[in-house]
């Protein structure tokens, strides 16, 4: 079962292509029906949570693991997605997203 995440139109095509190329089982929608919003960060890196991921922001390692569980994805897939979105993982517990 594919999980849907929501992103602005200008990000959705890139994210769908990335997920397809990396075989990440996510569908990116633009109608706000996804269980997670992906949005650009502000001028400073913003903290992402389980509801919103800020591209160019940051997320704690425990929260990234919880996000992987919420999206029913392996940690390495979340790691790839976060790297693609330039989301920095803080408080890292080495090896979780490799």
Protein backbone atom coordinates (compact mmCIF):
# COMPACT_ATOMS: atom_id res chain seq x y z
CA UNK A 1 0.00 0.00 0.00
CA UNK A 2 1.45 3.34 -1.04
CA UNK A 3 1.35 6.22 1.42
CA UNK A 4 0.65 9.72 0.11
CA UNK A 5 2.47 12.83 1.20
CA UNK A 6 1.48 16.35 0.21
CA UNK A 7 3.81 18.89 -1.41
CA UNK A 8 3.42 22.17 -3.28
CA UNK A 9 2.99 21.74 -7.03
CA UNK A 10 6.49 23.05 -7.77
CA UNK A 11 8.00 20.30 -5.56
CA UNK A 12 5.62 17.42 -6.32
CA UNK A 13 6.97 16.39 -9.75
CA UNK A 14 10.55 16.34 -8.47
CA UNK A 15 9.58 14.31 -5.40
CA UNK A 16 7.50 11.81 -7.39
CA UNK A 17 10.40 11.33 -9.82
CA UNK A 18 12.87 10.90 -6.95
CA UNK A 19 10.68 8.38 -5.13
CA UNK A 20 10.14 6.43 -8.34
CA UNK A 21 13.86 6.41 -9.22
CA UNK A 22 14.83 5.27 -5.70
CA UNK A 23 11.95 2.77 -5.41
CA UNK A 24 10.55 4.55 -2.36
CA UNK A 25 6.92 3.56 -1.86
CA UNK A 26 5.48 7.08 -1.55
CA UNK A 27 3.06 9.00 -3.70
CA UNK A 28 3.28 12.79 -3.72
CA UNK A 29 -0.01 14.65 -4.07
CA UNK A 30 -0.85 18.34 -4.23
CA UNK A 31 -4.41 18.24 -2.90
CA UNK A 32 -3.56 18.24 0.83
CA UNK A 33 -4.78 14.65 1.23
CA UNK A 34 -1.37 13.25 2.22
CA UNK A 35 -0.58 12.26 5.80
CA UNK A 36 2.53 14.46 5.79
CA UNK A 37 3.16 17.93 4.36
CA UNK A 38 6.47 18.76 2.69
CA UNK A 39 7.09 22.50 2.43
CA UNK A 40 10.10 24.78 1.90
CA UNK A 41 11.85 26.00 5.03
CA UNK A 42 11.99 29.67 5.89
CA UNK A 43 15.20 31.73 5.73
CA UNK A 44 16.56 29.76 8.69
CA UNK A 45 16.40 25.97 9.01
CA UNK A 46 13.09 25.05 10.64
CA UNK A 47 12.50 21.97 12.77
CA UNK A 48 10.43 19.30 11.04
CA UNK A 49 7.95 17.15 12.93
CA UNK A 50 5.58 14.26 12.23
CA UNK A 51 3.08 16.53 10.46
CA UNK A 52 5.37 18.78 8.40
CA UNK A 53 8.81 18.27 6.86
CA UNK A 54 10.60 21.50 5.97
CA UNK A 55 12.81 21.09 2.90
CA UNK A 56 16.07 22.74 3.90
CA UNK A 57 15.18 22.30 7.58
CA UNK A 58 16.18 19.79 10.21
CA UNK A 59 14.75 16.87 12.20
CA UNK A 60 15.95 14.95 15.25
CA UNK A 61 17.02 11.36 14.76
CA UNK A 62 14.32 9.96 17.09
CA UNK A 63 11.68 11.98 15.24
CA UNK A 64 13.00 10.79 11.84
CA UNK A 65 12.69 7.18 13.06
CA UNK A 66 9.11 7.90 14.18
CA UNK A 67 8.44 9.45 10.77
CA UNK A 68 9.69 6.29 9.05
CA UNK A 69 7.32 4.23 11.18
CA UNK A 70 4.41 6.59 10.47
CA UNK A 71 5.04 6.33 6.72
CA UNK A 72 5.67 2.56 6.94
CA UNK A 73 9.08 2.94 5.29
CA UNK A 74 12.52 1.60 6.17
CA UNK A 75 14.90 4.08 7.79
CA UNK A 76 17.22 4.05 4.77
CA UNK A 77 14.35 5.27 2.54
CA UNK A 78 13.53 8.10 4.94
CA UNK A 79 17.24 8.92 5.00
CA UNK A 80 17.32 9.15 1.19
CA UNK A 81 14.20 11.32 1.14
CA UNK A 82 15.50 13.65 3.85
CA UNK A 83 18.86 13.97 2.09
CA UNK A 84 17.08 14.79 -1.17
CA UNK A 85 15.07 17.48 0.64
CA UNK A 86 18.24 18.85 2.31
CA UNK A 87 16.81 18.07 5.75
CA UNK A 88 19.62 17.70 8.29
CA UNK A 89 19.31 14.97 10.92
CA UNK A 90 20.35 16.17 14.38
CA UNK A 91 20.95 14.23 17.57
CA UNK A 92 21.98 11.40 15.26
CA UNK A 93 22.23 7.83 16.47
CA UNK A 94 24.73 6.71 13.84
CA UNK A 95 23.68 4.25 11.22
CA UNK A 96 19.91 4.57 11.48
CA UNK A 97 19.37 6.04 8.02
CA UNK A 98 22.24 4.58 5.97
